[in-house]
């Protein structure tokens, strides 16, 4: 009567286990990284939104204040504006001026201010004023937040995302992601093909929108690999 396994049987079993692991572990790791990134992205969104709301409760509508800064020095007013009206409501541990978003961006460095939150999230802000009166509810966009979760290198849609700082409805504060080409009243989630194609071409705006439109989760069909 034989007990145990022969060496060939053990080797075959280990081989099968290895093949199964090779097929499943990468997917498991990718899904885990996606979930963790989505949670962090939503947390960052909520952190900024809460800070903006707290600032407005104390200082009044930021749209009016931002316009004063814009009229004073256009794009170059962003750092001073953010430092005075947003930083007091955030846990900022490091600030760098004259720093473009990780991965590069157009514009002069003096337009940007980069800051790091307590949890390590890196954010770059630059002021930008746009006004679209032809929307069903005219709105104003007052700047861009570039979100970067530290990694080996910045990859749009993987660790680099983008929010707009917009106001709608007679200047009422609203921190949101909008599509200025259409109705800016809501996040547009119906054109999934366009979002996918734009994200695949490394548009941080559309990659971020894909996550938000999928209830703050990365959709199954997502063009950026983790």
Protein backbone atom coordinates (compact mmCIF):
# COMPACT_ATOMS: atom_id res chain seq x y z
CA UNK A 1 0.00 0.00 0.00
CA UNK A 2 1.46 3.37 -1.07
CA UNK A 3 1.10 6.56 0.96
CA UNK A 4 1.88 10.10 -0.18
CA UNK A 5 2.74 11.32 -3.64
CA UNK A 6 5.51 10.55 -6.02
CA UNK A 7 7.88 13.31 -7.12
CA UNK A 8 6.34 13.57 -10.62
CA UNK A 9 2.86 13.93 -9.09
CA UNK A 10 4.08 16.72 -6.79
CA UNK A 11 5.78 18.52 -9.66
CA UNK A 12 2.68 18.29 -11.85
CA UNK A 13 0.49 19.63 -9.00
CA UNK A 14 2.87 22.53 -8.39
CA UNK A 15 2.92 23.26 -12.09
CA UNK A 16 -0.87 23.44 -12.22
CA UNK A 17 -0.93 25.72 -9.18
CA UNK A 18 1.68 27.95 -10.81
CA UNK A 19 -0.32 28.25 -14.02
CA UNK A 20 -3.52 29.10 -12.14
CA UNK A 21 -1.66 31.69 -10.04
CA UNK A 22 -0.10 33.24 -13.13
CA UNK A 23 -3.54 33.64 -14.68
CA UNK A 24 -5.40 34.94 -11.62
CA UNK A 25 -2.96 36.94 -9.47
CA UNK A 26 -2.34 39.76 -12.02
CA UNK A 27 -6.10 40.32 -12.37
CA UNK A 28 -6.51 40.27 -8.60
CA UNK A 29 -3.74 42.85 -8.16
CA UNK A 30 -5.12 45.08 -10.92
CA UNK A 31 -8.64 45.00 -9.47
CA UNK A 32 -7.30 45.75 -6.00
CA UNK A 33 -5.28 48.72 -7.29
CA UNK A 34 -8.31 50.04 -9.16
CA UNK A 35 -10.52 49.85 -6.08
CA UNK A 36 -7.90 51.51 -3.89
CA UNK A 37 -7.36 54.30 -6.41
CA UNK A 38 -11.09 54.92 -6.84
CA UNK A 39 -11.55 55.18 -3.07
CA UNK A 40 -8.68 57.61 -2.82
CA UNK A 41 -9.95 59.69 -5.73
CA UNK A 42 -13.39 60.04 -4.16
CA UNK A 43 -11.81 60.90 -0.81
CA UNK A 44 -9.76 63.66 -2.47
CA UNK A 45 -12.84 65.00 -4.23
CA UNK A 46 -14.76 65.10 -0.95
CA UNK A 47 -11.84 66.70 0.88
CA UNK A 48 -11.61 69.54 -1.63
CA UNK A 49 -15.38 69.97 -1.82
CA UNK A 50 -15.65 70.17 1.98
CA UNK A 51 -12.85 72.73 2.13
CA UNK A 52 -14.52 74.87 -0.52
CA UNK A 53 -17.85 74.73 1.27
CA UNK A 54 -16.22 75.64 4.60
CA UNK A 55 -14.41 78.56 3.00
CA UNK A 56 -17.61 79.85 1.43
CA UNK A 57 -19.45 79.59 4.75
CA UNK A 58 -16.86 81.90 6.28
CA UNK A 59 -15.81 84.12 3.36
CA UNK A 60 -18.84 84.18 1.06
CA UNK A 61 -19.07 82.92 -2.54
CA UNK A 62 -15.60 82.18 -3.84
CA UNK A 63 -16.70 83.05 -7.36
CA UNK A 64 -16.74 86.75 -6.43
CA UNK A 65 -13.41 86.57 -4.66
CA UNK A 66 -11.81 84.58 -7.48
CA UNK A 67 -13.02 87.12 -10.03
CA UNK A 68 -11.34 89.92 -8.07
CA UNK A 69 -8.08 87.98 -8.15
CA UNK A 70 -8.53 87.17 -11.82
CA UNK A 71 -9.10 90.81 -12.72
CA UNK A 72 -5.99 91.73 -10.79
CA UNK A 73 -3.52 89.33 -12.40
CA UNK A 74 -5.39 86.69 -14.48
CA UNK A 75 -3.75 83.25 -14.48
CA UNK A 76 -1.01 84.32 -12.09
CA UNK A 77 -3.48 84.98 -9.24
CA UNK A 78 -4.17 81.30 -8.60
CA UNK A 79 -1.45 80.57 -6.00
CA UNK A 80 -2.32 83.58 -3.82
CA UNK A 81 -6.04 82.85 -4.07
CA UNK A 82 -5.72 79.19 -3.09
CA UNK A 83 -3.30 79.87 -0.25
CA UNK A 84 -5.62 82.39 1.35
CA UNK A 85 -9.03 80.86 0.75
CA UNK A 86 -8.48 77.09 0.60
CA UNK A 87 -5.37 76.14 2.57
CA UNK A 88 -6.84 77.12 5.96
CA UNK A 89 -9.48 74.41 5.45
CA UNK A 90 -7.11 71.65 4.35
CA UNK A 91 -4.36 69.65 6.03
CA UNK A 92 -1.51 70.82 3.81
CA UNK A 93 1.95 69.52 4.68
CA UNK A 94 4.01 70.90 1.78
CA UNK A 95 3.67 73.72 -0.72
CA UNK A 96 5.64 74.39 -3.90
CA UNK A 97 5.14 77.36 -6.17
CA UNK A 98 6.07 77.58 -9.84
CA UNK A 99 5.55 73.84 -10.30
CA UNK A 100 3.60 72.34 -13.19
CA UNK A 101 1.47 69.25 -12.59
CA UNK A 102 3.44 65.96 -12.56
CA UNK A 103 3.72 64.76 -16.12
CA UNK A 104 3.93 68.28 -17.53
CA UNK A 105 1.34 70.78 -18.63
CA UNK A 106 1.15 73.85 -20.81
CA UNK A 107 1.42 77.31 -19.33
CA UNK A 108 4.05 79.22 -17.41
CA UNK A 109 5.13 77.65 -14.10
CA UNK A 110 4.19 80.80 -12.17
CA UNK A 111 0.54 80.03 -12.93
CA UNK A 112 0.63 76.91 -10.75
CA UNK A 113 0.80 76.08 -7.08
CA UNK A 114 1.48 72.54 -5.94
CA UNK A 115 0.56 71.23 -2.50
CA UNK A 116 0.59 67.91 -0.70
CA UNK A 117 -2.13 66.76 1.69
CA UNK A 118 -1.51 64.86 4.90
CA UNK A 119 -2.36 61.52 3.24
CA UNK A 120 0.31 62.07 0.57
CA UNK A 121 -2.02 63.13 -2.23
CA UNK A 122 -0.35 65.70 -4.45
CA UNK A 123 -2.46 68.46 -6.03
CA UNK A 124 -1.63 71.24 -8.47
CA UNK A 125 -4.00 74.16 -8.96
CA UNK A 126 -4.06 76.82 -11.62
CA UNK A 127 -6.64 79.54 -12.02
CA UNK A 128 -8.52 79.63 -15.32
CA UNK A 129 -11.60 81.68 -16.06
CA UNK A 130 -14.23 80.53 -18.55
CA UNK A 131 -17.79 81.66 -18.94
CA UNK A 132 -20.34 79.85 -21.11
CA UNK A 133 -23.60 81.85 -21.18
CA UNK A 134 -25.17 79.63 -23.86
CA UNK A 135 -25.51 76.67 -21.51
CA UNK A 136 -29.05 76.05 -20.26
CA UNK A 137 -27.70 77.27 -16.92
CA UNK A 138 -24.75 79.55 -17.51
CA UNK A 139 -21.74 78.69 -15.41
CA UNK A 140 -18.24 79.87 -14.70
CA UNK A 141 -15.16 77.74 -14.32
CA UNK A 142 -12.53 79.17 -12.04
CA UNK A 143 -9.68 76.72 -12.20
CA UNK A 144 -8.26 73.23 -12.47
CA UNK A 145 -7.17 70.75 -9.83
CA UNK A 146 -4.66 68.16 -11.03
CA UNK A 147 -4.68 65.18 -8.68
CA UNK A 148 -1.60 62.98 -8.45
CA UNK A 149 -1.18 59.87 -6.31
CA UNK A 150 2.58 59.25 -5.92
CA UNK A 151 3.95 56.38 -7.95
CA UNK A 152 7.03 55.62 -9.99
CA UNK A 153 5.88 57.96 -12.72
CA UNK A 154 2.70 59.97 -13.42
CA UNK A 155 0.25 58.13 -15.68
CA UNK A 156 -2.97 59.86 -16.72
CA UNK A 157 -5.98 57.80 -15.69
CA UNK A 158 -3.93 55.63 -13.34
CA UNK A 159 -2.48 57.98 -10.75
CA UNK A 160 -3.14 61.38 -12.33
CA UNK A 161 -6.65 62.82 -12.51
CA UNK A 162 -8.39 66.14 -13.01
CA UNK A 163 -11.26 68.14 -11.53
CA UNK A 164 -12.63 71.50 -12.58
CA UNK A 165 -13.56 74.19 -10.09
CA UNK A 166 -16.89 75.46 -11.42
CA UNK A 167 -19.82 77.60 -10.38
CA UNK A 168 -23.38 77.34 -11.58
CA UNK A 169 -26.74 78.93 -10.94
CA UNK A 170 -26.10 82.60 -10.19
CA UNK A 171 -22.72 82.05 -8.63
CA UNK A 172 -23.64 79.39 -6.09
CA UNK A 173 -20.53 77.41 -5.23
CA UNK A 174 -20.21 73.99 -6.77
CA UNK A 175 -17.16 71.79 -7.00
CA UNK A 176 -17.86 69.53 -9.91
CA UNK A 177 -16.72 67.91 -13.10
CA UNK A 178 -18.49 69.46 -16.05
CA UNK A 179 -18.52 69.42 -19.80
CA UNK A 180 -18.42 73.00 -21.03
CA UNK A 181 -19.27 71.98 -24.57
CA UNK A 182 -22.79 70.98 -23.56
CA UNK A 183 -25.09 71.63 -20.62
CA UNK A 184 -22.86 72.35 -17.66
CA UNK A 185 -25.60 71.68 -15.15
CA UNK A 186 -24.74 68.03 -14.75
CA UNK A 187 -21.94 65.57 -15.24
CA UNK A 188 -22.52 64.02 -18.65
CA UNK A 189 -22.39 60.25 -18.47
CA UNK A 190 -24.32 59.10 -21.52
CA UNK A 191 -21.57 59.23 -24.15
CA UNK A 192 -19.52 56.27 -22.93
CA UNK A 193 -17.80 55.70 -26.28
CA UNK A 194 -16.48 59.26 -26.38
CA UNK A 195 -15.29 59.04 -22.77
CA UNK A 196 -13.47 55.78 -23.51
CA UNK A 197 -11.77 57.12 -26.64
CA UNK A 198 -10.73 60.38 -24.99
CA UNK A 199 -9.41 58.57 -21.91
CA UNK A 200 -7.48 56.17 -24.15
CA UNK A 201 -5.81 59.25 -25.66
CA UNK A 202 -4.69 60.26 -22.16
CA UNK A 203 -7.28 62.88 -21.32
CA UNK A 204 -7.24 63.15 -17.52
CA UNK A 205 -10.60 64.93 -17.67
CA UNK A 206 -12.37 62.03 -19.41
CA UNK A 207 -10.63 59.32 -17.38
CA UNK A 208 -11.83 61.03 -14.22
CA UNK A 209 -15.33 61.35 -15.63
CA UNK A 210 -15.43 57.62 -16.41
CA UNK A 211 -14.82 56.84 -12.74
CA UNK A 212 -17.37 59.34 -11.45
CA UNK A 213 -20.01 58.21 -13.93
CA UNK A 214 -19.53 54.61 -12.81
CA UNK A 215 -20.44 55.45 -9.21
CA UNK A 216 -16.83 56.13 -8.24
CA UNK A 217 -15.55 52.82 -9.54
CA UNK A 218 -13.36 52.02 -12.51
CA UNK A 219 -15.60 50.51 -15.20
CA UNK A 220 -14.86 47.06 -16.54
CA UNK A 221 -14.08 48.59 -19.92
CA UNK A 222 -11.35 51.04 -18.94
CA UNK A 223 -8.53 51.82 -21.40
CA UNK A 224 -5.72 52.45 -18.89
CA UNK A 225 -3.91 49.43 -17.49
CA UNK A 226 -2.98 49.21 -13.82
